[in-house]
Amino acid sequence: MVYYEKLGYKSFEEYTLDYDDSLLTTNRTYEFFVDWEKVFGNLENKVVEINILNSLNKIGSDKVEDKFIEILKKYPECVPILPLVLAIRDKKVDVIDLTTQTFKKIDFSMNNFKLDEVLTFSRKTGLLNLFNEIDDLYSYLTGTEVGLDTNARKNRSGHVFEGIVGDLLEKSIENNPQYSLTSEDSSIKTKRNKRADFVIYKDDIPLFLFECNFYSAGGSKPIETANAYIDLQKKISDLDMTFIWITDGQGWKKMFTTLKFAMRSIDYVLNYNMLKDNIDNILF
C-alpha cells in the first residue's frame, strides 16, 4: 500500500481524497500548442518549390491551368508539395472517382507522378483554383503546417508531462551532489521493453524509479497501465528500489476505483501537486 503516512496523511482515505481533489485540469505548457521548430523546419527545404508555385497567383484564372502544367513539366520537384496544400502529408493519395466508379491511388512523388492524374486531382479538389485565391503560398502553408501539428498534440501531451515532472525532480536534487537523475533509463532490469521514465541514484546506486502518465480522459489505456504497474512494483521491490508512479489528469475522475486498487499495491501513487509538496519527504 502507498506509504501515505510518510506523505503526512492520517489514513488511506484522507490520502485518496486529497489525490482526487488536487488533480491537474491540464498539462498544457506554452510549448504544448505548436511545435514551431517543426513547422518551419518542414517548410525550410521546400522554399524554392513553394516560390515557384506561388508565381501562379500572378496568372489569370483562364490561363492558370496551362501555367500549372508548364511548371510541373519543368519543375517536377514541385509535385510533392501539392498534397500539403490540402493538408495531406502522404505522397500517395487514395481517391474514388465517382464519374468512372473507379478507385485510384495518385502518386505525387517527383519521379513517378502521372501528369494527367495530378492535373485531374488538382482540378477536381479545387487545389488549382486556390492559387488565384491566396496571395502568398508560404504563409498559407505555414498555417497548414500549424493545423497538421495540432494532430501531434496527443503524442506531445505525454512528453510534456514528463518534462514537467523531470524539471521538478532536477530542482529537488540540485543541492544534493550525491544524488543524480537519469531519464529514459534502460539499466534497471525489470524484464520489460520500456525504459524507466526517470531514475534517481544516490552515490551511483539506483534508489527511486519513476513512471509518468497524464490522462485527460478515461479509457482502457489507464486501466492497462495501472495493472502493469502493480506487476512492476513487485519487480522494483526485488531490486531494493522504491517505485513512484506520477499520474495525473481529470481522466482519473471517472476511473478512480481502478486507481485506488493500484494504490493498495504500489509504494507511491502521486499526482503532480502531491509530488511537488512531498518530494523532499520521499527522497531525503
C-alpha atoms as a PDB file:
ATOM      1  CA  MET A   1       0.000   0.000   0.000  1.00  0.00           C
ATOM      2  CA  VAL A   2       1.047   3.579  -0.626  1.00  0.00           C
ATOM      3  CA  TYR A   3       3.150   4.984   2.221  1.00  0.00           C
ATOM      4  CA  TYR A   4       0.507   7.593   2.945  1.00  0.00           C
ATOM      5  CA  GLU A   5       1.758   8.247   6.487  1.00  0.00           C
ATOM      6  CA  LYS A   6       5.133   9.358   5.124  1.00  0.00           C
ATOM      7  CA  LEU A   7       3.195  11.806   2.970  1.00  0.00           C
ATOM      8  CA  GLY A   8       1.597  13.299   6.070  1.00  0.00           C
ATOM      9  CA  TYR A   9      -1.832  11.692   5.841  1.00  0.00           C
ATOM     10  CA  LYS A  10      -3.569  10.055   8.806  1.00  0.00           C
ATOM     11  CA  SER A  11      -5.427   7.477   6.721  1.00  0.00           C
ATOM     12  CA  PHE A  12      -5.592   5.921   3.288  1.00  0.00           C
ATOM     13  CA  GLU A  13      -8.978   7.593   2.775  1.00  0.00           C
ATOM     14  CA  GLU A  14      -7.543  11.038   3.562  1.00  0.00           C
ATOM     15  CA  TYR A  15      -4.737  10.412   1.088  1.00  0.00           C
ATOM     16  CA  THR A  16      -7.065   9.282  -1.727  1.00  0.00           C
ATOM     17  CA  LEU A  17      -9.395  12.225  -1.130  1.00  0.00           C
ATOM     18  CA  ASP A  18      -6.529  14.704  -1.433  1.00  0.00           C
ATOM     19  CA  TYR A  19      -5.289  12.954  -4.563  1.00  0.00           C
ATOM     20  CA  ASP A  20      -8.693  13.303  -6.210  1.00  0.00           C
ATOM     21  CA  ASP A  21      -9.065  16.938  -5.121  1.00  0.00           C
ATOM     22  CA  SER A  22      -5.626  18.033  -6.354  1.00  0.00           C
ATOM     23  CA  LEU A  23      -5.613  16.547  -9.884  1.00  0.00           C
ATOM     24  CA  LEU A  24      -4.416  18.927 -12.584  1.00  0.00           C
ATOM     25  CA  THR A  25      -7.005  20.203 -15.030  1.00  0.00           C
ATOM     26  CA  THR A  26      -4.385  20.393 -17.784  1.00  0.00           C
ATOM     27  CA  ASN A  27      -0.751  19.639 -18.527  1.00  0.00           C
ATOM     28  CA  ARG A  28      -0.520  22.196 -21.315  1.00  0.00           C
ATOM     29  CA  THR A  29       2.580  24.348 -21.136  1.00  0.00           C
ATOM     30  CA  TYR A  30       3.180  27.154 -23.629  1.00  0.00           C
ATOM     31  CA  GLU A  31       5.263  24.731 -25.701  1.00  0.00           C
ATOM     32  CA  PHE A  32       2.356  22.290 -25.970  1.00  0.00           C
ATOM     33  CA  PHE A  33       0.265  24.151 -28.513  1.00  0.00           C
ATOM     34  CA  VAL A  34       2.552  24.392 -31.567  1.00  0.00           C
ATOM     35  CA  ASP A  35       5.998  22.991 -32.281  1.00  0.00           C
ATOM     36  CA  TRP A  36       7.240  25.988 -34.254  1.00  0.00           C
ATOM     37  CA  GLU A  37      10.648  24.462 -34.887  1.00  0.00           C
ATOM     38  CA  LYS A  38       8.946  21.539 -36.587  1.00  0.00           C
ATOM     39  CA  VAL A  39       6.545  23.791 -38.529  1.00  0.00           C
ATOM     40  CA  PHE A  40       9.244  25.987 -40.050  1.00  0.00           C
ATOM     41  CA  GLY A  41      11.643  23.075 -40.390  1.00  0.00           C
ATOM     42  CA  ASN A  42       9.141  21.252 -42.597  1.00  0.00           C
ATOM     43  CA  LEU A  43       8.916  24.284 -44.893  1.00  0.00           C
ATOM     44  CA  GLU A  44      12.573  25.246 -44.928  1.00  0.00           C
ATOM     45  CA  ASN A  45      13.662  22.724 -47.537  1.00  0.00           C
ATOM     46  CA  LYS A  46      10.654  23.478 -49.757  1.00  0.00           C
ATOM     47  CA  VAL A  47      11.094  27.231 -50.096  1.00  0.00           C
ATOM     48  CA  VAL A  48      12.251  27.214 -53.734  1.00  0.00           C
ATOM     49  CA  GLU A  49       9.420  24.952 -54.888  1.00  0.00           C
ATOM     50  CA  ILE A  50       6.879  26.963 -52.886  1.00  0.00           C
ATOM     51  CA  ASN A  51       8.023  30.172 -54.557  1.00  0.00           C
ATOM     52  CA  ILE A  52       7.747  28.574 -57.997  1.00  0.00           C
ATOM     53  CA  LEU A  53       4.151  27.517 -57.344  1.00  0.00           C
ATOM     54  CA  ASN A  54       3.454  30.891 -55.780  1.00  0.00           C
ATOM     55  CA  SER A  55       4.001  32.505 -59.176  1.00  0.00           C
ATOM     56  CA  LEU A  56       0.601  31.083 -60.194  1.00  0.00           C
ATOM     57  CA  ASN A  57      -1.171  33.792 -58.204  1.00  0.00           C
ATOM     58  CA  LYS A  58       0.064  36.280 -60.795  1.00  0.00           C
ATOM     59  CA  ILE A  59      -1.623  34.346 -63.621  1.00  0.00           C
ATOM     60  CA  GLY A  60      -5.214  34.964 -64.721  1.00  0.00           C
ATOM     61  CA  SER A  61      -7.727  32.258 -63.890  1.00  0.00           C
ATOM     62  CA  ASP A  62      -8.238  31.445 -67.576  1.00  0.00           C
ATOM     63  CA  LYS A  63      -4.533  30.658 -68.014  1.00  0.00           C
ATOM     64  CA  VAL A  64      -3.581  29.210 -64.622  1.00  0.00           C
ATOM     65  CA  GLU A  65      -4.094  25.600 -65.685  1.00  0.00           C
ATOM     66  CA  ASP A  66      -1.753  25.920 -68.683  1.00  0.00           C
ATOM     67  CA  LYS A  67       0.885  27.568 -66.491  1.00  0.00           C
ATOM     68  CA  PHE A  68       0.390  24.887 -63.827  1.00  0.00           C
ATOM     69  CA  ILE A  69       1.078  22.160 -66.406  1.00  0.00           C
ATOM     70  CA  GLU A  70       4.132  24.041 -67.638  1.00  0.00           C
ATOM     71  CA  ILE A  71       5.527  24.306 -64.098  1.00  0.00           C
ATOM     72  CA  LEU A  72       5.008  20.615 -63.303  1.00  0.00           C
ATOM     73  CA  LYS A  73       6.747  19.596 -66.503  1.00  0.00           C
ATOM     74  CA  LYS A  74       9.665  21.943 -65.973  1.00  0.00           C
ATOM     75  CA  TYR A  75       9.897  21.626 -62.176  1.00  0.00           C
ATOM     76  CA  PRO A  76       8.654  18.142 -61.161  1.00  0.00           C
ATOM     77  CA  GLU A  77      10.094  18.739 -57.709  1.00  0.00           C
ATOM     78  CA  CYS A  78       7.026  20.927 -57.074  1.00  0.00           C
ATOM     79  CA  VAL A  79       4.651  17.963 -57.326  1.00  0.00           C
ATOM     80  CA  PRO A  80       5.284  16.526 -53.803  1.00  0.00           C
ATOM     81  CA  ILE A  81       4.175  19.841 -52.283  1.00  0.00           C
ATOM     82  CA  LEU A  82       0.683  19.670 -53.779  1.00  0.00           C
ATOM     83  CA  PRO A  83      -0.896  17.305 -51.202  1.00  0.00           C
ATOM     84  CA  LEU A  84       0.326  19.613 -48.429  1.00  0.00           C
ATOM     85  CA  VAL A  85      -1.782  22.408 -49.897  1.00  0.00           C
ATOM     86  CA  LEU A  86      -4.773  20.231 -48.948  1.00  0.00           C
ATOM     87  CA  ALA A  87      -3.266  19.400 -45.532  1.00  0.00           C
ATOM     88  CA  ILE A  88      -2.202  15.908 -46.633  1.00  0.00           C
ATOM     89  CA  ARG A  89       1.272  14.591 -45.799  1.00  0.00           C
ATOM     90  CA  ASP A  90       1.020  11.403 -47.879  1.00  0.00           C
ATOM     91  CA  LYS A  91       2.810  11.267 -51.206  1.00  0.00           C
ATOM     92  CA  LYS A  92       0.276   8.707 -52.447  1.00  0.00           C
ATOM     93  CA  VAL A  93      -3.382   9.650 -52.126  1.00  0.00           C
ATOM     94  CA  ASP A  94      -6.289   7.222 -52.446  1.00  0.00           C
ATOM     95  CA  VAL A  95      -9.459   8.551 -54.051  1.00  0.00           C
ATOM     96  CA  ILE A  96     -12.685   7.170 -55.539  1.00  0.00           C
ATOM     97  CA  ASP A  97     -13.682   8.741 -58.851  1.00  0.00           C
ATOM     98  CA  LEU A  98     -17.496   8.729 -58.827  1.00  0.00           C
ATOM     99  CA  THR A  99     -17.641   9.649 -62.507  1.00  0.00           C
ATOM    100  CA  THR A 100     -15.943   6.441 -63.592  1.00  0.00           C
ATOM    101  CA  GLN A 101     -16.711   4.425 -60.429  1.00  0.00           C
ATOM    102  CA  THR A 102     -13.034   3.592 -60.117  1.00  0.00           C
ATOM    103  CA  PHE A 103     -10.555   3.607 -57.259  1.00  0.00           C
ATOM    104  CA  LYS A 104      -7.286   5.442 -57.846  1.00  0.00           C
ATOM    105  CA  LYS A 105      -4.015   5.812 -55.991  1.00  0.00           C
ATOM    106  CA  ILE A 106      -2.478   9.058 -57.155  1.00  0.00           C
ATOM    107  CA  ASP A 107       1.282   9.269 -56.829  1.00  0.00           C
ATOM    108  CA  PHE A 108       2.733  12.696 -56.006  1.00  0.00           C
ATOM    109  CA  SER A 109       6.368  11.647 -55.872  1.00  0.00           C
ATOM    110  CA  MET A 110       8.688  13.649 -58.098  1.00  0.00           C
ATOM    111  CA  ASN A 111       9.817  10.739 -60.260  1.00  0.00           C
ATOM    112  CA  ASN A 112       6.635   8.659 -60.521  1.00  0.00           C
ATOM    113  CA  PHE A 113       3.712  11.054 -60.855  1.00  0.00           C
ATOM    114  CA  LYS A 114       1.401  10.970 -63.867  1.00  0.00           C
ATOM    115  CA  LEU A 115       0.663  14.471 -65.074  1.00  0.00           C
ATOM    116  CA  ASP A 116      -2.921  13.755 -66.136  1.00  0.00           C
ATOM    117  CA  GLU A 117      -3.804  12.216 -62.766  1.00  0.00           C
ATOM    118  CA  VAL A 118      -2.223  15.053 -60.793  1.00  0.00           C
ATOM    119  CA  LEU A 119      -3.947  17.619 -63.012  1.00  0.00           C
ATOM    120  CA  THR A 120      -7.350  15.955 -62.625  1.00  0.00           C
ATOM    121  CA  PHE A 121      -6.893  15.715 -58.873  1.00  0.00           C
ATOM    122  CA  SER A 122      -5.811  19.360 -58.621  1.00  0.00           C
ATOM    123  CA  ARG A 123      -8.737  20.489 -60.742  1.00  0.00           C
ATOM    124  CA  LYS A 124     -11.481  18.435 -59.044  1.00  0.00           C
ATOM    125  CA  THR A 125     -10.361  19.103 -55.467  1.00  0.00           C
ATOM    126  CA  GLY A 126     -10.249  22.857 -56.069  1.00  0.00           C
ATOM    127  CA  LEU A 127      -6.498  22.941 -55.430  1.00  0.00           C
ATOM    128  CA  LEU A 128      -5.815  24.516 -58.813  1.00  0.00           C
ATOM    129  CA  ASN A 129      -8.290  27.368 -58.282  1.00  0.00           C
ATOM    130  CA  LEU A 130      -6.768  28.080 -54.899  1.00  0.00           C
ATOM    131  CA  PHE A 131      -3.659  29.618 -56.434  1.00  0.00           C
ATOM    132  CA  ASN A 132      -5.781  32.544 -57.638  1.00  0.00           C
ATOM    133  CA  GLU A 133      -7.323  32.989 -54.181  1.00  0.00           C
ATOM    134  CA  ILE A 134      -4.215  33.278 -51.979  1.00  0.00           C
ATOM    135  CA  ASP A 135      -1.559  35.980 -52.034  1.00  0.00           C
ATOM    136  CA  ASP A 136       1.327  34.029 -50.513  1.00  0.00           C
ATOM    137  CA  LEU A 137       1.640  30.236 -50.648  1.00  0.00           C
ATOM    138  CA  TYR A 138       4.356  30.178 -47.988  1.00  0.00           C
ATOM    139  CA  SER A 139       2.097  31.898 -45.460  1.00  0.00           C
ATOM    140  CA  TYR A 140      -0.762  29.618 -46.428  1.00  0.00           C
ATOM    141  CA  LEU A 141       1.388  26.501 -45.934  1.00  0.00           C
ATOM    142  CA  THR A 142       2.637  27.822 -42.597  1.00  0.00           C
ATOM    143  CA  GLY A 143      -0.974  27.793 -41.450  1.00  0.00           C
ATOM    144  CA  THR A 144      -1.432  24.320 -42.903  1.00  0.00           C
ATOM    145  CA  GLU A 145       1.597  23.038 -41.000  1.00  0.00           C
ATOM    146  CA  VAL A 146       0.270  24.579 -37.785  1.00  0.00           C
ATOM    147  CA  GLY A 147      -3.023  22.773 -38.352  1.00  0.00           C
ATOM    148  CA  LEU A 148      -1.305  19.461 -39.017  1.00  0.00           C
ATOM    149  CA  ASP A 149       0.876  19.919 -35.958  1.00  0.00           C
ATOM    150  CA  THR A 150      -2.205  20.010 -33.733  1.00  0.00           C
ATOM    151  CA  ASN A 151      -2.687  16.339 -34.629  1.00  0.00           C
ATOM    152  CA  ALA A 152       0.585  15.660 -32.817  1.00  0.00           C
ATOM    153  CA  ARG A 153      -0.622  17.218 -29.579  1.00  0.00           C
ATOM    154  CA  LYS A 154      -1.856  13.896 -28.224  1.00  0.00           C
ATOM    155  CA  ASN A 155       1.613  12.387 -28.529  1.00  0.00           C
ATOM    156  CA  ARG A 156       3.209  15.611 -27.306  1.00  0.00           C
ATOM    157  CA  SER A 157       0.975  15.615 -24.222  1.00  0.00           C
ATOM    158  CA  GLY A 158       2.748  12.689 -22.567  1.00  0.00           C
ATOM    159  CA  HIS A 159       6.187  14.094 -23.297  1.00  0.00           C
ATOM    160  CA  VAL A 160       5.145  17.497 -21.949  1.00  0.00           C
ATOM    161  CA  PHE A 161       4.073  15.961 -18.644  1.00  0.00           C
ATOM    162  CA  GLU A 162       7.319  14.000 -18.423  1.00  0.00           C
ATOM    163  CA  GLY A 163       9.165  17.273 -18.933  1.00  0.00           C
ATOM    164  CA  ILE A 164       7.221  18.963 -16.138  1.00  0.00           C
ATOM    165  CA  VAL A 165       7.976  16.109 -13.739  1.00  0.00           C
ATOM    166  CA  GLY A 166      11.614  15.875 -14.833  1.00  0.00           C
ATOM    167  CA  ASP A 167      12.128  19.580 -14.207  1.00  0.00           C
ATOM    168  CA  LEU A 168      10.728  19.232 -10.692  1.00  0.00           C
ATOM    169  CA  LEU A 169      12.931  16.223  -9.943  1.00  0.00           C
ATOM    170  CA  GLU A 170      16.055  18.002 -11.187  1.00  0.00           C
ATOM    171  CA  LYS A 171      15.361  21.001  -8.976  1.00  0.00           C
ATOM    172  CA  SER A 172      14.703  18.784  -5.970  1.00  0.00           C
ATOM    173  CA  ILE A 173      18.186  17.241  -6.050  1.00  0.00           C
ATOM    174  CA  GLU A 174      20.248  20.119  -7.424  1.00  0.00           C
ATOM    175  CA  ASN A 175      21.709  20.961  -3.996  1.00  0.00           C
ATOM    176  CA  ASN A 176      22.499  17.344  -3.156  1.00  0.00           C
ATOM    177  CA  PRO A 177      25.566  16.295  -5.169  1.00  0.00           C
ATOM    178  CA  GLN A 178      25.352  12.677  -4.050  1.00  0.00           C
ATOM    179  CA  TYR A 179      22.067  12.392  -5.960  1.00  0.00           C
ATOM    180  CA  SER A 180      21.769  12.131  -9.749  1.00  0.00           C
ATOM    181  CA  LEU A 181      18.859  11.844 -12.151  1.00  0.00           C
ATOM    182  CA  THR A 182      18.655   9.886 -15.410  1.00  0.00           C
ATOM    183  CA  SER A 183      15.805   9.842 -17.910  1.00  0.00           C
ATOM    184  CA  GLU A 184      14.825   7.034 -20.286  1.00  0.00           C
ATOM    185  CA  ASP A 185      16.952   4.740 -18.135  1.00  0.00           C
ATOM    186  CA  SER A 186      17.399   1.230 -19.557  1.00  0.00           C
ATOM    187  CA  SER A 187      19.859  -0.003 -16.936  1.00  0.00           C
ATOM    188  CA  ILE A 188      17.202  -1.180 -14.471  1.00  0.00           C
ATOM    189  CA  LYS A 189      16.485  -4.779 -15.400  1.00  0.00           C
ATOM    190  CA  THR A 190      12.777  -5.419 -14.902  1.00  0.00           C
ATOM    191  CA  LYS A 191      12.200  -7.761 -17.866  1.00  0.00           C
ATOM    192  CA  ARG A 192      10.147  -5.254 -19.826  1.00  0.00           C
ATOM    193  CA  ASN A 193      10.824  -3.403 -23.064  1.00  0.00           C
ATOM    194  CA  LYS A 194      10.018   0.099 -21.831  1.00  0.00           C
ATOM    195  CA  ARG A 195      12.761   2.239 -20.323  1.00  0.00           C
ATOM    196  CA  ALA A 196      12.138   3.876 -16.968  1.00  0.00           C
ATOM    197  CA  ASP A 197      11.000   7.475 -17.366  1.00  0.00           C
ATOM    198  CA  PHE A 198      13.289   8.606 -14.532  1.00  0.00           C
ATOM    199  CA  VAL A 199      15.642   7.003 -12.025  1.00  0.00           C
ATOM    200  CA  ILE A 200      17.243   8.813  -9.100  1.00  0.00           C
ATOM    201  CA  TYR A 201      20.589   7.489  -7.900  1.00  0.00           C
ATOM    202  CA  LYS A 202      22.374   8.150  -4.648  1.00  0.00           C
ATOM    203  CA  ASP A 203      26.133   7.590  -4.775  1.00  0.00           C
ATOM    204  CA  ASP A 204      25.580   5.756  -8.086  1.00  0.00           C
ATOM    205  CA  ILE A 205      23.100   3.335  -6.512  1.00  0.00           C
ATOM    206  CA  PRO A 206      19.586   3.399  -8.039  1.00  0.00           C
ATOM    207  CA  LEU A 207      17.022   4.100  -5.327  1.00  0.00           C
ATOM    208  CA  PHE A 208      13.881   5.520  -6.946  1.00  0.00           C
ATOM    209  CA  LEU A 209      12.192   4.614 -10.225  1.00  0.00           C
ATOM    210  CA  PHE A 210       9.579   6.997 -11.635  1.00  0.00           C
ATOM    211  CA  GLU A 211       6.917   6.454 -14.284  1.00  0.00           C
ATOM    212  CA  CYS A 212       4.816   9.366 -15.546  1.00  0.00           C
ATOM    213  CA  ASN A 213       1.404   9.412 -17.235  1.00  0.00           C
ATOM    214  CA  PHE A 214      -1.237  12.046 -17.856  1.00  0.00           C
ATOM    215  CA  TYR A 215      -4.806  11.159 -18.787  1.00  0.00           C
ATOM    216  CA  SER A 216      -7.257  13.841 -19.841  1.00  0.00           C
ATOM    217  CA  ALA A 217      -9.951  11.231 -20.450  1.00  0.00           C
ATOM    218  CA  GLY A 218     -10.777   7.714 -19.370  1.00  0.00           C
ATOM    219  CA  GLY A 219     -10.434   4.548 -21.374  1.00  0.00           C
ATOM    220  CA  SER A 220      -8.745   1.179 -21.440  1.00  0.00           C
ATOM    221  CA  LYS A 221      -5.171   2.519 -21.547  1.00  0.00           C
ATOM    222  CA  PRO A 222      -5.082   3.890 -17.969  1.00  0.00           C
ATOM    223  CA  ILE A 223      -6.549   0.627 -16.674  1.00  0.00           C
ATOM    224  CA  GLU A 224      -3.923  -1.409 -18.541  1.00  0.00           C
ATOM    225  CA  THR A 225      -1.197   0.870 -17.188  1.00  0.00           C
ATOM    226  CA  ALA A 226      -2.410   0.514 -13.606  1.00  0.00           C
ATOM    227  CA  ASN A 227      -2.386  -3.289 -13.857  1.00  0.00           C
ATOM    228  CA  ALA A 228       1.057  -3.279 -15.459  1.00  0.00           C
ATOM    229  CA  TYR A 229       2.464  -1.074 -12.705  1.00  0.00           C
ATOM    230  CA  ILE A 230       1.160  -3.365  -9.978  1.00  0.00           C
ATOM    231  CA  ASP A 231       3.318  -6.072 -11.559  1.00  0.00           C
ATOM    232  CA  LEU A 232       6.223  -3.626 -11.977  1.00  0.00           C
ATOM    233  CA  GLN A 233       6.061  -2.796  -8.265  1.00  0.00           C
ATOM    234  CA  LYS A 234       6.913  -6.394  -7.389  1.00  0.00           C
ATOM    235  CA  LYS A 235       9.967  -6.331  -9.653  1.00  0.00           C
ATOM    236  CA  ILE A 236      11.142  -2.974  -8.313  1.00  0.00           C
ATOM    237  CA  SER A 237      10.833  -4.210  -4.731  1.00  0.00           C
ATOM    238  CA  ASP A 238      13.045  -7.185  -5.569  1.00  0.00           C
ATOM    239  CA  LEU A 239      15.714  -4.675  -6.637  1.00  0.00           C
ATOM    240  CA  ASP A 240      15.521  -2.833  -3.294  1.00  0.00           C
ATOM    241  CA  MET A 241      14.217   0.262  -5.035  1.00  0.00           C
ATOM    242  CA  THR A 242      11.183   2.450  -4.454  1.00  0.00           C
ATOM    243  CA  PHE A 243       8.592   2.775  -7.203  1.00  0.00           C
ATOM    244  CA  ILE A 244       6.908   6.163  -7.628  1.00  0.00           C
ATOM    245  CA  TRP A 245       4.090   6.441 -10.144  1.00  0.00           C
ATOM    246  CA  ILE A 246       3.314  10.056 -11.076  1.00  0.00           C
ATOM    247  CA  THR A 247      -0.042  10.055 -12.797  1.00  0.00           C
ATOM    248  CA  ASP A 248      -2.400  12.967 -13.219  1.00  0.00           C
ATOM    249  CA  GLY A 249      -5.276  14.380 -15.211  1.00  0.00           C
ATOM    250  CA  GLN A 250      -9.043  14.594 -14.978  1.00  0.00           C
ATOM    251  CA  GLY A 251      -9.352  11.211 -16.686  1.00  0.00           C
ATOM    252  CA  TRP A 252      -8.869   9.564 -13.300  1.00  0.00           C
ATOM    253  CA  LYS A 253     -12.075  11.138 -12.005  1.00  0.00           C
ATOM    254  CA  LYS A 254     -14.092   8.508 -13.867  1.00  0.00           C
ATOM    255  CA  MET A 255     -11.727   5.627 -13.090  1.00  0.00           C
ATOM    256  CA  PHE A 256     -10.771   6.307  -9.513  1.00  0.00           C
ATOM    257  CA  THR A 257     -11.835   2.852  -8.366  1.00  0.00           C
ATOM    258  CA  THR A 258      -9.172   1.351 -10.638  1.00  0.00           C
ATOM    259  CA  LEU A 259      -6.544   3.755  -9.356  1.00  0.00           C
ATOM    260  CA  LYS A 260      -7.430   3.123  -5.697  1.00  0.00           C
ATOM    261  CA  PHE A 261      -6.962  -0.589  -6.321  1.00  0.00           C
ATOM    262  CA  ALA A 262      -3.468   0.098  -7.699  1.00  0.00           C
ATOM    263  CA  MET A 263      -2.691   2.395  -4.764  1.00  0.00           C
ATOM    264  CA  ARG A 264      -3.035  -0.576  -2.425  1.00  0.00           C
ATOM    265  CA  SER A 265      -0.103  -2.308  -4.138  1.00  0.00           C
ATOM    266  CA  ILE A 266       2.311   0.463  -5.156  1.00  0.00           C
ATOM    267  CA  ASP A 267       4.820   2.348  -2.956  1.00  0.00           C
ATOM    268  CA  TYR A 268       3.744   5.791  -4.109  1.00  0.00           C
ATOM    269  CA  VAL A 269       0.997   6.958  -6.469  1.00  0.00           C
ATOM    270  CA  LEU A 270       1.125  10.742  -6.669  1.00  0.00           C
ATOM    271  CA  ASN A 271      -0.250  13.491  -8.859  1.00  0.00           C
ATOM    272  CA  TYR A 272       1.969  16.434  -9.732  1.00  0.00           C
ATOM    273  CA  ASN A 273       0.839  18.662  -6.862  1.00  0.00           C
ATOM    274  CA  MET A 274       1.403  15.869  -4.338  1.00  0.00           C
ATOM    275  CA  LEU A 275       4.856  15.203  -5.772  1.00  0.00           C
ATOM    276  CA  LYS A 276       5.721  18.898  -5.524  1.00  0.00           C
ATOM    277  CA  ASP A 277       4.647  19.014  -1.875  1.00  0.00           C
ATOM    278  CA  ASN A 278       6.237  15.737  -0.803  1.00  0.00           C
ATOM    279  CA  ILE A 279       9.312  15.047  -2.907  1.00  0.00           C
ATOM    280  CA  ASP A 280      11.732  16.051  -0.139  1.00  0.00           C
ATOM    281  CA  ASN A 281       9.963  13.777   2.358  1.00  0.00           C
ATOM    282  CA  ILE A 282      10.310  10.856  -0.025  1.00  0.00           C
ATOM    283  CA  LEU A 283      13.897  11.336  -1.224  1.00  0.00           C
ATOM    284  CA  PHE A 284      15.700  12.568   1.862  1.00  0.00           C
END
